[in-house]
Amino acid sequence: MSSVLAAFEMAGLLTDLENGALTRTTVKDRGSDQAALLGASLRYLIQRGLVEENGDAFTLTDYGRDVCQDKGYLVWLVGGYGEPLRRMDAFLSGDKRYGVDYPRDGRWVADGAAMLGRKDVVPHALRLLEGIEFDTALDLGCGNARFLLTVCSRFGASGTGVDISPEAVVEAEKAVREAGLTDRVRVVRGDAGDLNSIAALADTQLVVTFFLLHEILAQGRDALVAYLSDMAGRLPDGARLLIAEVQPPAEGDHRPWFTPEFTFVHALMRQTLLDSKGWSEALADGGFTVREVLEDDMPGGILILAEKAR
């Protein structure tokens, strides 16, 4: 079910299904092979209780709408990590390595994260930002730049987004144009882990890192603290840092959804996660003072607002 629903979203069909715009006629109007596969997919979703037929239209059931509330998680996992997870046998046998032979798909990692973040993270993040003042924002690992655009639109700031994925940058540049913010927001392809290449830091009042710092942590805690210290040294006094991360499941915590999957996928990438106490301690060692820690609606998700220590 996850694979089929993620495929519908990635092919641009899930919105039609959600809106009742996917009909027998629109299915038949496609090429014969595509129509046959789409018809079989819809029959499967009907059999699983996710979809029903109402006259000529295919619509989601209440159960289907409940599941599709979490479509961002499905796209992130199936679209972003489907290929390396399918190759687990090669990793376990030692014949292949994650990232070298079978990497994740950066576009769908970014798009899935943006979708799940829009529902479960962004509303809480915006409330945190309402309590501070800033004119310039820098989003490290910006993905499709939707959050950066939201921040710049709501708070009247100018912004820069940095992402290493060429696919994500293409999507981000398109989003900037569609938002009519090319005069205030720019997106560049670059490694967010290489602060030497990010000149905008010197004039940035707000840095955003959503699900980035655990990738720095993969090199060890010392590397994370060094990265934070380098960032703090480049930022102007009073600059803020807004972090979104996911805590690992606590011992004995049998959460049914997402947190164990997130932890497992990052273990596949040889990355570990910290709890809120661990992040706060690393930030303090890296030259930042934690101002607020907030749990959001993402399972295990936390937001941390920190300030460059004086």
C-alpha atoms as a PDB file:
ATOM      1  CA  MET A   1       0.000   0.000   0.000  1.00  0.00           C
ATOM      2  CA  SER A   2       2.846   2.373   0.847  1.00  0.00           C
ATOM      3  CA  SER A   3       4.476   1.776  -2.532  1.00  0.00           C
ATOM      4  CA  VAL A   4       1.270   2.291  -4.507  1.00  0.00           C
ATOM      5  CA  LEU A   5       0.220   5.437  -2.636  1.00  0.00           C
ATOM      6  CA  ALA A   6       3.717   6.919  -2.858  1.00  0.00           C
ATOM      7  CA  ALA A   7       3.770   6.145  -6.589  1.00  0.00           C
ATOM      8  CA  PHE A   8       0.406   7.913  -7.036  1.00  0.00           C
ATOM      9  CA  GLU A   9       1.786  11.015  -5.290  1.00  0.00           C
ATOM     10  CA  MET A  10       5.070  10.950  -7.205  1.00  0.00           C
ATOM     11  CA  ALA A  11       3.196  10.583 -10.520  1.00  0.00           C
ATOM     12  CA  GLY A  12       0.894  13.502  -9.690  1.00  0.00           C
ATOM     13  CA  LEU A  13      -2.221  11.310  -9.374  1.00  0.00           C
ATOM     14  CA  LEU A  14      -2.937  11.347  -5.656  1.00  0.00           C
ATOM     15  CA  THR A  15      -4.321  14.894  -5.638  1.00  0.00           C
ATOM     16  CA  ASP A  16      -6.822  13.870  -8.335  1.00  0.00           C
ATOM     17  CA  LEU A  17      -7.793  10.879  -6.223  1.00  0.00           C
ATOM     18  CA  GLU A  18      -8.157  13.067  -3.128  1.00  0.00           C
ATOM     19  CA  ASN A  19     -10.339  15.544  -5.051  1.00  0.00           C
ATOM     20  CA  GLY A  20     -12.505  12.953  -6.795  1.00  0.00           C
ATOM     21  CA  ALA A  21     -11.124  14.018 -10.189  1.00  0.00           C
ATOM     22  CA  LEU A  22      -9.859  10.537 -11.076  1.00  0.00           C
ATOM     23  CA  THR A  23     -12.688   8.918 -13.025  1.00  0.00           C
ATOM     24  CA  ARG A  24     -13.198   5.893 -15.246  1.00  0.00           C
ATOM     25  CA  THR A  25     -13.099   8.270 -18.208  1.00  0.00           C
ATOM     26  CA  THR A  26      -9.757   9.848 -17.237  1.00  0.00           C
ATOM     27  CA  VAL A  27      -8.313   6.391 -16.651  1.00  0.00           C
ATOM     28  CA  LYS A  28      -9.447   5.154 -20.079  1.00  0.00           C
ATOM     29  CA  ASP A  29      -8.084   8.273 -21.780  1.00  0.00           C
ATOM     30  CA  ARG A  30      -4.531   7.217 -20.947  1.00  0.00           C
ATOM     31  CA  GLY A  31      -2.470   4.853 -23.085  1.00  0.00           C
ATOM     32  CA  SER A  32      -3.576   1.236 -22.945  1.00  0.00           C
ATOM     33  CA  ASP A  33      -0.666  -0.005 -20.802  1.00  0.00           C
ATOM     34  CA  GLN A  34      -0.916   2.950 -18.433  1.00  0.00           C
ATOM     35  CA  ALA A  35      -4.703   2.647 -18.183  1.00  0.00           C
ATOM     36  CA  ALA A  36      -4.431  -1.066 -17.407  1.00  0.00           C
ATOM     37  CA  LEU A  37      -1.882  -0.521 -14.650  1.00  0.00           C
ATOM     38  CA  LEU A  38      -3.764   2.446 -13.194  1.00  0.00           C
ATOM     39  CA  GLY A  39      -6.987   0.425 -13.225  1.00  0.00           C
ATOM     40  CA  ALA A  40      -5.277  -2.497 -11.495  1.00  0.00           C
ATOM     41  CA  SER A  41      -3.808  -0.128  -8.902  1.00  0.00           C
ATOM     42  CA  LEU A  42      -7.208   1.374  -8.156  1.00  0.00           C
ATOM     43  CA  ARG A  43      -8.791  -2.081  -7.842  1.00  0.00           C
ATOM     44  CA  TYR A  44      -6.051  -3.034  -5.387  1.00  0.00           C
ATOM     45  CA  LEU A  45      -6.655   0.106  -3.303  1.00  0.00           C
ATOM     46  CA  ILE A  46     -10.396  -0.670  -3.347  1.00  0.00           C
ATOM     47  CA  GLN A  47      -9.670  -4.194  -2.115  1.00  0.00           C
ATOM     48  CA  ARG A  48      -7.577  -2.743   0.696  1.00  0.00           C
ATOM     49  CA  GLY A  49     -10.357  -0.369   1.735  1.00  0.00           C
ATOM     50  CA  LEU A  50      -8.525   2.840   0.771  1.00  0.00           C
ATOM     51  CA  VAL A  51     -10.594   3.752  -2.293  1.00  0.00           C
ATOM     52  CA  GLU A  52     -14.225   3.398  -3.339  1.00  0.00           C
ATOM     53  CA  GLU A  53     -16.206   4.099  -6.495  1.00  0.00           C
ATOM     54  CA  ASN A  54     -18.853   6.809  -6.380  1.00  0.00           C
ATOM     55  CA  GLY A  55     -20.592   6.768  -9.726  1.00  0.00           C
ATOM     56  CA  ASP A  56     -17.902   7.408 -12.333  1.00  0.00           C
ATOM     57  CA  ALA A  57     -15.349   8.728  -9.819  1.00  0.00           C
ATOM     58  CA  PHE A  58     -12.791   7.011  -7.645  1.00  0.00           C
ATOM     59  CA  THR A  59     -12.542   8.608  -4.192  1.00  0.00           C
ATOM     60  CA  LEU A  60     -10.721   7.918  -0.974  1.00  0.00           C
ATOM     61  CA  THR A  61     -12.590   6.250   1.860  1.00  0.00           C
ATOM     62  CA  ASP A  62     -12.349   7.699   5.355  1.00  0.00           C
ATOM     63  CA  TYR A  63      -9.591   5.163   6.023  1.00  0.00           C
ATOM     64  CA  GLY A  64      -7.842   6.193   2.811  1.00  0.00           C
ATOM     65  CA  ARG A  65      -7.986   9.876   3.761  1.00  0.00           C
ATOM     66  CA  ASP A  66      -6.568   9.055   7.165  1.00  0.00           C
ATOM     67  CA  VAL A  67      -3.654   7.156   5.601  1.00  0.00           C
ATOM     68  CA  CYS A  68      -3.003   9.880   3.027  1.00  0.00           C
ATOM     69  CA  GLN A  69      -2.590  12.455   5.772  1.00  0.00           C
ATOM     70  CA  ASP A  70       0.836  10.846   6.106  1.00  0.00           C
ATOM     71  CA  LYS A  71       1.699  10.736   2.404  1.00  0.00           C
ATOM     72  CA  GLY A  72       4.843  12.785   3.009  1.00  0.00           C
ATOM     73  CA  TYR A  73       6.256   9.972   5.151  1.00  0.00           C
ATOM     74  CA  LEU A  74       5.432   7.434   2.427  1.00  0.00           C
ATOM     75  CA  VAL A  75       7.136   9.466  -0.313  1.00  0.00           C
ATOM     76  CA  TRP A  76      10.159  10.080   1.934  1.00  0.00           C
ATOM     77  CA  LEU A  77      10.563   6.366   2.645  1.00  0.00           C
ATOM     78  CA  VAL A  78       9.463   4.708  -0.611  1.00  0.00           C
ATOM     79  CA  GLY A  79      10.627   7.351  -3.075  1.00  0.00           C
ATOM     80  CA  GLY A  80      13.704   8.482  -1.178  1.00  0.00           C
ATOM     81  CA  TYR A  81      15.008   5.202   0.232  1.00  0.00           C
ATOM     82  CA  GLY A  82      13.186   2.521  -1.758  1.00  0.00           C
ATOM     83  CA  GLU A  83      16.188   1.545  -3.874  1.00  0.00           C
ATOM     84  CA  PRO A  84      18.753   1.155  -1.063  1.00  0.00           C
ATOM     85  CA  LEU A  85      16.199  -0.687   1.084  1.00  0.00           C
ATOM     86  CA  ARG A  86      15.558  -3.048  -1.831  1.00  0.00           C
ATOM     87  CA  ARG A  87      19.308  -3.710  -1.920  1.00  0.00           C
ATOM     88  CA  MET A  88      19.631  -4.593   1.748  1.00  0.00           C
ATOM     89  CA  ASP A  89      20.799  -8.095   0.833  1.00  0.00           C
ATOM     90  CA  ALA A  90      23.853  -6.666  -0.935  1.00  0.00           C
ATOM     91  CA  PHE A  91      24.657  -4.458   2.061  1.00  0.00           C
ATOM     92  CA  LEU A  92      24.244  -7.325   4.524  1.00  0.00           C
ATOM     93  CA  SER A  93      26.449  -9.617   2.459  1.00  0.00           C
ATOM     94  CA  GLY A  94      29.104  -6.924   2.175  1.00  0.00           C
ATOM     95  CA  ASP A  95      29.026  -6.923  -1.632  1.00  0.00           C
ATOM     96  CA  LYS A  96      27.790  -3.328  -1.876  1.00  0.00           C
ATOM     97  CA  ARG A  97      27.745  -0.194   0.262  1.00  0.00           C
ATOM     98  CA  TYR A  98      24.989   2.307   0.833  1.00  0.00           C
ATOM     99  CA  GLY A  99      25.701   5.640  -0.835  1.00  0.00           C
ATOM    100  CA  VAL A 100      28.523   4.233  -2.945  1.00  0.00           C
ATOM    101  CA  ASP A 101      26.602   1.660  -4.991  1.00  0.00           C
ATOM    102  CA  TYR A 102      22.975   2.477  -4.184  1.00  0.00           C
ATOM    103  CA  PRO A 103      22.319   6.020  -2.896  1.00  0.00           C
ATOM    104  CA  ARG A 104      19.036   7.526  -1.828  1.00  0.00           C
ATOM    105  CA  ASP A 105      17.007   9.660  -4.253  1.00  0.00           C
ATOM    106  CA  GLY A 106      17.598  13.262  -3.164  1.00  0.00           C
ATOM    107  CA  ARG A 107      14.566  14.694  -4.894  1.00  0.00           C
ATOM    108  CA  TRP A 108      12.051  12.446  -3.150  1.00  0.00           C
ATOM    109  CA  VAL A 109      13.812  12.711   0.202  1.00  0.00           C
ATOM    110  CA  ALA A 110      13.417  16.489  -0.109  1.00  0.00           C
ATOM    111  CA  ASP A 111       9.844  16.406  -1.412  1.00  0.00           C
ATOM    112  CA  GLY A 112       8.706  13.856   1.169  1.00  0.00           C
ATOM    113  CA  ALA A 113      10.347  15.787   3.988  1.00  0.00           C
ATOM    114  CA  ALA A 114       8.699  18.998   2.765  1.00  0.00           C
ATOM    115  CA  MET A 115       5.273  17.361   2.705  1.00  0.00           C
ATOM    116  CA  LEU A 116       5.508  15.812   6.142  1.00  0.00           C
ATOM    117  CA  GLY A 117       7.126  18.953   7.512  1.00  0.00           C
ATOM    118  CA  ARG A 118       4.413  21.209   6.121  1.00  0.00           C
ATOM    119  CA  LYS A 119       1.806  19.403   8.204  1.00  0.00           C
ATOM    120  CA  ASP A 120       3.664  18.340  11.329  1.00  0.00           C
ATOM    121  CA  VAL A 121       6.650  20.686  11.725  1.00  0.00           C
ATOM    122  CA  VAL A 122       6.143  24.023   9.971  1.00  0.00           C
ATOM    123  CA  PRO A 123       3.204  25.358  12.043  1.00  0.00           C
ATOM    124  CA  HIS A 124       5.204  24.886  15.257  1.00  0.00           C
ATOM    125  CA  ALA A 125       8.369  26.330  13.695  1.00  0.00           C
ATOM    126  CA  LEU A 126       6.556  29.474  12.592  1.00  0.00           C
ATOM    127  CA  ARG A 127       5.205  30.011  16.095  1.00  0.00           C
ATOM    128  CA  LEU A 128       8.756  29.857  17.446  1.00  0.00           C
ATOM    129  CA  LEU A 129       9.907  32.458  14.910  1.00  0.00           C
ATOM    130  CA  GLU A 130       7.115  34.878  15.806  1.00  0.00           C
ATOM    131  CA  GLY A 131       8.981  35.705  18.990  1.00  0.00           C
ATOM    132  CA  ILE A 132      12.181  36.933  17.296  1.00  0.00           C
ATOM    133  CA  GLU A 133      13.219  39.581  14.775  1.00  0.00           C
ATOM    134  CA  PHE A 134      15.297  38.916  11.667  1.00  0.00           C
ATOM    135  CA  ASP A 135      15.727  40.336   8.177  1.00  0.00           C
ATOM    136  CA  THR A 136      17.891  37.635   6.599  1.00  0.00           C
ATOM    137  CA  ALA A 137      17.485  33.857   6.630  1.00  0.00           C
ATOM    138  CA  LEU A 138      19.712  31.029   5.448  1.00  0.00           C
ATOM    139  CA  ASP A 139      18.275  27.524   4.996  1.00  0.00           C
ATOM    140  CA  LEU A 140      21.014  24.876   4.985  1.00  0.00           C
ATOM    141  CA  GLY A 141      19.763  21.749   3.228  1.00  0.00           C
ATOM    142  CA  CYS A 142      16.738  23.674   1.967  1.00  0.00           C
ATOM    143  CA  GLY A 143      15.278  20.885  -0.197  1.00  0.00           C
ATOM    144  CA  ASN A 144      12.538  22.395  -2.354  1.00  0.00           C
ATOM    145  CA  ALA A 145      12.790  25.682  -0.379  1.00  0.00           C
ATOM    146  CA  ARG A 146       9.111  25.719   0.589  1.00  0.00           C
ATOM    147  CA  PHE A 147       9.865  26.482   4.225  1.00  0.00           C
ATOM    148  CA  LEU A 148      12.343  29.223   3.321  1.00  0.00           C
ATOM    149  CA  LEU A 149       9.744  30.791   1.035  1.00  0.00           C
ATOM    150  CA  THR A 150       7.115  30.615   3.771  1.00  0.00           C
ATOM    151  CA  VAL A 151       9.462  32.291   6.254  1.00  0.00           C
ATOM    152  CA  CYS A 152      10.475  35.061   3.860  1.00  0.00           C
ATOM    153  CA  SER A 153       6.858  35.718   2.833  1.00  0.00           C
ATOM    154  CA  ARG A 154       5.483  35.787   6.361  1.00  0.00           C
ATOM    155  CA  PHE A 155       8.250  37.805   8.013  1.00  0.00           C
ATOM    156  CA  GLY A 156       9.325  40.022   5.126  1.00  0.00           C
ATOM    157  CA  ALA A 157      12.871  38.664   5.119  1.00  0.00           C
ATOM    158  CA  SER A 158      15.298  37.944   2.322  1.00  0.00           C
ATOM    159  CA  GLY A 159      16.764  34.465   2.142  1.00  0.00           C
ATOM    160  CA  THR A 160      19.264  32.046   0.692  1.00  0.00           C
ATOM    161  CA  GLY A 161      18.781  28.308   0.346  1.00  0.00           C
ATOM    162  CA  VAL A 162      21.597  25.789  -0.039  1.00  0.00           C
ATOM    163  CA  ASP A 163      21.187  22.168  -1.070  1.00  0.00           C
ATOM    164  CA  ILE A 164      23.542  19.572  -2.479  1.00  0.00           C
ATOM    165  CA  SER A 165      20.921  17.752  -4.567  1.00  0.00           C
ATOM    166  CA  PRO A 166      20.651  19.101  -8.142  1.00  0.00           C
ATOM    167  CA  GLU A 167      17.102  17.742  -8.364  1.00  0.00           C
ATOM    168  CA  ALA A 168      16.086  19.556  -5.191  1.00  0.00           C
ATOM    169  CA  VAL A 169      17.673  22.807  -6.411  1.00  0.00           C
ATOM    170  CA  VAL A 170      15.724  22.633  -9.670  1.00  0.00           C
ATOM    171  CA  GLU A 171      12.491  22.178  -7.710  1.00  0.00           C
ATOM    172  CA  ALA A 172      13.456  25.010  -5.341  1.00  0.00           C
ATOM    173  CA  GLU A 173      14.247  27.461  -8.120  1.00  0.00           C
ATOM    174  CA  LYS A 174      10.897  26.675  -9.706  1.00  0.00           C
ATOM    175  CA  ALA A 175       9.147  27.285  -6.377  1.00  0.00           C
ATOM    176  CA  VAL A 176      10.902  30.658  -5.977  1.00  0.00           C
ATOM    177  CA  ARG A 177       9.739  31.756  -9.419  1.00  0.00           C
ATOM    178  CA  GLU A 178       6.183  30.601  -8.783  1.00  0.00           C
ATOM    179  CA  ALA A 179       6.130  32.505  -5.475  1.00  0.00           C
ATOM    180  CA  GLY A 180       7.297  35.701  -7.227  1.00  0.00           C
ATOM    181  CA  LEU A 181      10.196  36.083  -4.788  1.00  0.00           C
ATOM    182  CA  THR A 182      13.188  36.026  -7.147  1.00  0.00           C
ATOM    183  CA  ASP A 183      14.107  39.508  -5.894  1.00  0.00           C
ATOM    184  CA  ARG A 184      14.434  38.315  -2.281  1.00  0.00           C
ATOM    185  CA  VAL A 185      15.162  34.588  -2.321  1.00  0.00           C
ATOM    186  CA  ARG A 186      17.930  32.727  -4.114  1.00  0.00           C
ATOM    187  CA  VAL A 187      18.856  29.059  -4.098  1.00  0.00           C
ATOM    188  CA  VAL A 188      22.341  27.723  -4.753  1.00  0.00           C
ATOM    189  CA  ARG A 189      23.653  24.229  -5.157  1.00  0.00           C
ATOM    190  CA  GLY A 190      26.271  23.537  -2.531  1.00  0.00           C
ATOM    191  CA  ASP A 191      27.348  21.379   0.357  1.00  0.00           C
ATOM    192  CA  ALA A 192      25.702  22.645   3.548  1.00  0.00           C
ATOM    193  CA  GLY A 193      28.445  20.842   5.447  1.00  0.00           C
ATOM    194  CA  ASP A 194      31.115  23.105   3.936  1.00  0.00           C
ATOM    195  CA  LEU A 195      30.634  26.452   5.666  1.00  0.00           C
ATOM    196  CA  ASN A 196      33.669  27.915   3.893  1.00  0.00           C
ATOM    197  CA  SER A 197      31.634  28.062   0.697  1.00  0.00           C
ATOM    198  CA  ILE A 198      28.630  29.845   2.232  1.00  0.00           C
ATOM    199  CA  ALA A 199      29.457  33.553   2.273  1.00  0.00           C
ATOM    200  CA  ALA A 200      25.908  34.508   3.300  1.00  0.00           C
ATOM    201  CA  LEU A 201      26.592  33.370   6.877  1.00  0.00           C
ATOM    202  CA  ALA A 202      28.351  36.618   7.747  1.00  0.00           C
ATOM    203  CA  ASP A 203      25.135  38.619   7.242  1.00  0.00           C
ATOM    204  CA  THR A 204      22.584  36.016   8.345  1.00  0.00           C
ATOM    205  CA  GLN A 205      20.348  36.637  11.336  1.00  0.00           C
ATOM    206  CA  LEU A 206      18.506  33.290  11.190  1.00  0.00           C
ATOM    207  CA  VAL A 207      19.941  29.935  10.138  1.00  0.00           C
ATOM    208  CA  VAL A 208      17.545  27.037   9.534  1.00  0.00           C
ATOM    209  CA  THR A 209      18.715  23.423   9.578  1.00  0.00           C
ATOM    210  CA  PHE A 210      15.912  20.912   9.183  1.00  0.00           C
ATOM    211  CA  PHE A 211      17.109  17.300   9.482  1.00  0.00           C
ATOM    212  CA  LEU A 212      20.668  18.277   8.527  1.00  0.00           C
ATOM    213  CA  LEU A 213      22.722  18.172  11.700  1.00  0.00           C
ATOM    214  CA  HIS A 214      22.377  14.418  12.209  1.00  0.00           C
ATOM    215  CA  GLU A 215      24.231  14.065   8.903  1.00  0.00           C
ATOM    216  CA  ILE A 216      27.110  16.094  10.356  1.00  0.00           C
ATOM    217  CA  LEU A 217      26.865  13.970  13.508  1.00  0.00           C
ATOM    218  CA  ALA A 218      27.508  10.888  11.355  1.00  0.00           C
ATOM    219  CA  GLN A 219      31.168  11.976  11.341  1.00  0.00           C
ATOM    220  CA  GLY A 220      31.196  11.927  15.161  1.00  0.00           C
ATOM    221  CA  ARG A 221      30.178  14.266  17.971  1.00  0.00           C
ATOM    222  CA  ASP A 222      33.462  16.151  17.735  1.00  0.00           C
ATOM    223  CA  ALA A 223      32.717  16.890  14.085  1.00  0.00           C
ATOM    224  CA  LEU A 224      29.250  18.187  14.996  1.00  0.00           C
ATOM    225  CA  VAL A 225      30.627  20.475  17.717  1.00  0.00           C
ATOM    226  CA  ALA A 226      33.345  21.719  15.352  1.00  0.00           C
ATOM    227  CA  TYR A 227      30.708  22.456  12.706  1.00  0.00           C
ATOM    228  CA  LEU A 228      28.555  24.377  15.176  1.00  0.00           C
ATOM    229  CA  SER A 229      31.574  26.279  16.497  1.00  0.00           C
ATOM    230  CA  ASP A 230      32.580  27.226  12.962  1.00  0.00           C
ATOM    231  CA  MET A 231      29.038  28.399  12.252  1.00  0.00           C
ATOM    232  CA  ALA A 232      28.863  30.439  15.458  1.00  0.00           C
ATOM    233  CA  GLY A 233      32.183  32.083  14.620  1.00  0.00           C
ATOM    234  CA  ARG A 234      30.913  33.219  11.221  1.00  0.00           C
ATOM    235  CA  LEU A 235      27.499  34.507  12.336  1.00  0.00           C
ATOM    236  CA  PRO A 236      26.871  38.042  13.592  1.00  0.00           C
ATOM    237  CA  ASP A 237      26.093  38.608  17.269  1.00  0.00           C
ATOM    238  CA  GLY A 238      22.523  37.766  18.197  1.00  0.00           C
ATOM    239  CA  ALA A 239      22.001  35.388  15.275  1.00  0.00           C
ATOM    240  CA  ARG A 240      19.560  32.528  15.830  1.00  0.00           C
ATOM    241  CA  LEU A 241      19.636  28.900  14.786  1.00  0.00           C
ATOM    242  CA  LEU A 242      16.399  26.947  14.255  1.00  0.00           C
ATOM    243  CA  ILE A 243      16.834  23.169  14.221  1.00  0.00           C
ATOM    244  CA  ALA A 244      14.383  20.375  13.426  1.00  0.00           C
ATOM    245  CA  GLU A 245      15.461  16.828  14.262  1.00  0.00           C
ATOM    246  CA  VAL A 246      14.010  13.468  15.265  1.00  0.00           C
ATOM    247  CA  GLN A 247      14.830  11.811  18.550  1.00  0.00           C
ATOM    248  CA  PRO A 248      15.551   8.069  18.619  1.00  0.00           C
ATOM    249  CA  PRO A 249      12.927   5.845  20.279  1.00  0.00           C
ATOM    250  CA  ALA A 250      13.497   5.573  24.000  1.00  0.00           C
ATOM    251  CA  GLU A 251      14.300   2.129  25.359  1.00  0.00           C
ATOM    252  CA  GLY A 252      11.074   0.153  25.663  1.00  0.00           C
ATOM    253  CA  ASP A 253       9.243   2.633  23.425  1.00  0.00           C
ATOM    254  CA  HIS A 254       7.332   0.571  20.840  1.00  0.00           C
ATOM    255  CA  ARG A 255       5.997   3.392  18.724  1.00  0.00           C
ATOM    256  CA  PRO A 256       4.015   2.003  15.818  1.00  0.00           C
ATOM    257  CA  TRP A 257       4.861   4.680  13.309  1.00  0.00           C
ATOM    258  CA  PHE A 258       7.870   6.352  11.748  1.00  0.00           C
ATOM    259  CA  THR A 259      10.377   6.913  14.564  1.00  0.00           C
ATOM    260  CA  PRO A 260      11.842   3.387  14.387  1.00  0.00           C
ATOM    261  CA  GLU A 261      11.844   3.608  10.574  1.00  0.00           C
ATOM    262  CA  PHE A 262      13.629   6.960  10.637  1.00  0.00           C
ATOM    263  CA  THR A 263      16.194   5.584  13.084  1.00  0.00           C
ATOM    264  CA  PHE A 264      16.718   2.430  11.021  1.00  0.00           C
ATOM    265  CA  VAL A 265      17.176   4.247   7.706  1.00  0.00           C
ATOM    266  CA  HIS A 266      19.766   6.522   9.283  1.00  0.00           C
ATOM    267  CA  ALA A 267      21.562   3.529  10.757  1.00  0.00           C
ATOM    268  CA  LEU A 268      21.723   2.235   7.179  1.00  0.00           C
ATOM    269  CA  MET A 269      23.495   5.498   6.332  1.00  0.00           C
ATOM    270  CA  ARG A 270      25.779   5.022   9.353  1.00  0.00           C
ATOM    271  CA  GLN A 271      24.136   7.969  11.113  1.00  0.00           C
ATOM    272  CA  THR A 272      22.975   8.211  14.722  1.00  0.00           C
ATOM    273  CA  LEU A 273      20.378  10.435  16.365  1.00  0.00           C
ATOM    274  CA  LEU A 274      20.421  12.433  19.587  1.00  0.00           C
ATOM    275  CA  ASP A 275      17.658  13.172  22.062  1.00  0.00           C
ATOM    276  CA  SER A 276      16.843  16.755  23.069  1.00  0.00           C
ATOM    277  CA  LYS A 277      19.341  16.671  25.948  1.00  0.00           C
ATOM    278  CA  GLY A 278      22.092  15.468  23.606  1.00  0.00           C
ATOM    279  CA  TRP A 279      21.357  18.217  21.073  1.00  0.00           C
ATOM    280  CA  SER A 280      21.272  20.893  23.773  1.00  0.00           C
ATOM    281  CA  GLU A 281      24.639  19.792  25.118  1.00  0.00           C
ATOM    282  CA  ALA A 282      26.198  19.723  21.641  1.00  0.00           C
ATOM    283  CA  LEU A 283      24.847  23.199  20.896  1.00  0.00           C
ATOM    284  CA  ALA A 284      26.261  24.564  24.151  1.00  0.00           C
ATOM    285  CA  ASP A 285      29.658  23.057  23.357  1.00  0.00           C
ATOM    286  CA  GLY A 286      29.428  24.578  19.864  1.00  0.00           C
ATOM    287  CA  GLY A 287      28.846  28.152  21.024  1.00  0.00           C
ATOM    288  CA  PHE A 288      25.042  28.401  21.088  1.00  0.00           C
ATOM    289  CA  THR A 289      22.599  29.036  23.920  1.00  0.00           C
ATOM    290  CA  VAL A 290      19.370  27.051  23.697  1.00  0.00           C
ATOM    291  CA  ARG A 291      16.359  29.340  24.104  1.00  0.00           C
ATOM    292  CA  GLU A 292      13.491  26.921  23.533  1.00  0.00           C
ATOM    293  CA  VAL A 293      12.882  23.232  22.876  1.00  0.00           C
ATOM    294  CA  LEU A 294       9.521  22.168  21.483  1.00  0.00           C
ATOM    295  CA  GLU A 295       8.058  18.815  20.499  1.00  0.00           C
ATOM    296  CA  ASP A 296       6.150  19.059  17.221  1.00  0.00           C
ATOM    297  CA  ASP A 297       3.548  16.737  15.684  1.00  0.00           C
ATOM    298  CA  MET A 298       6.114  14.593  13.886  1.00  0.00           C
ATOM    299  CA  PRO A 299       6.605  11.332  15.798  1.00  0.00           C
ATOM    300  CA  GLY A 300       9.745  11.895  17.864  1.00  0.00           C
ATOM    301  CA  GLY A 301      10.206  15.316  16.293  1.00  0.00           C
ATOM    302  CA  ILE A 302      11.739  18.258  18.136  1.00  0.00           C
ATOM    303  CA  LEU A 303      12.384  21.895  17.310  1.00  0.00           C
ATOM    304  CA  ILE A 304      15.201  23.793  18.989  1.00  0.00           C
ATOM    305  CA  LEU A 305      15.656  27.548  18.850  1.00  0.00           C
ATOM    306  CA  ALA A 306      19.163  28.602  19.837  1.00  0.00           C
ATOM    307  CA  GLU A 307      21.111  31.856  19.841  1.00  0.00           C
ATOM    308  CA  LYS A 308      24.776  32.536  19.270  1.00  0.00           C
ATOM    309  CA  ALA A 309      26.308  32.705  22.734  1.00  0.00           C
ATOM    310  CA  ARG A 310      27.590  36.115  23.792  1.00  0.00           C
END
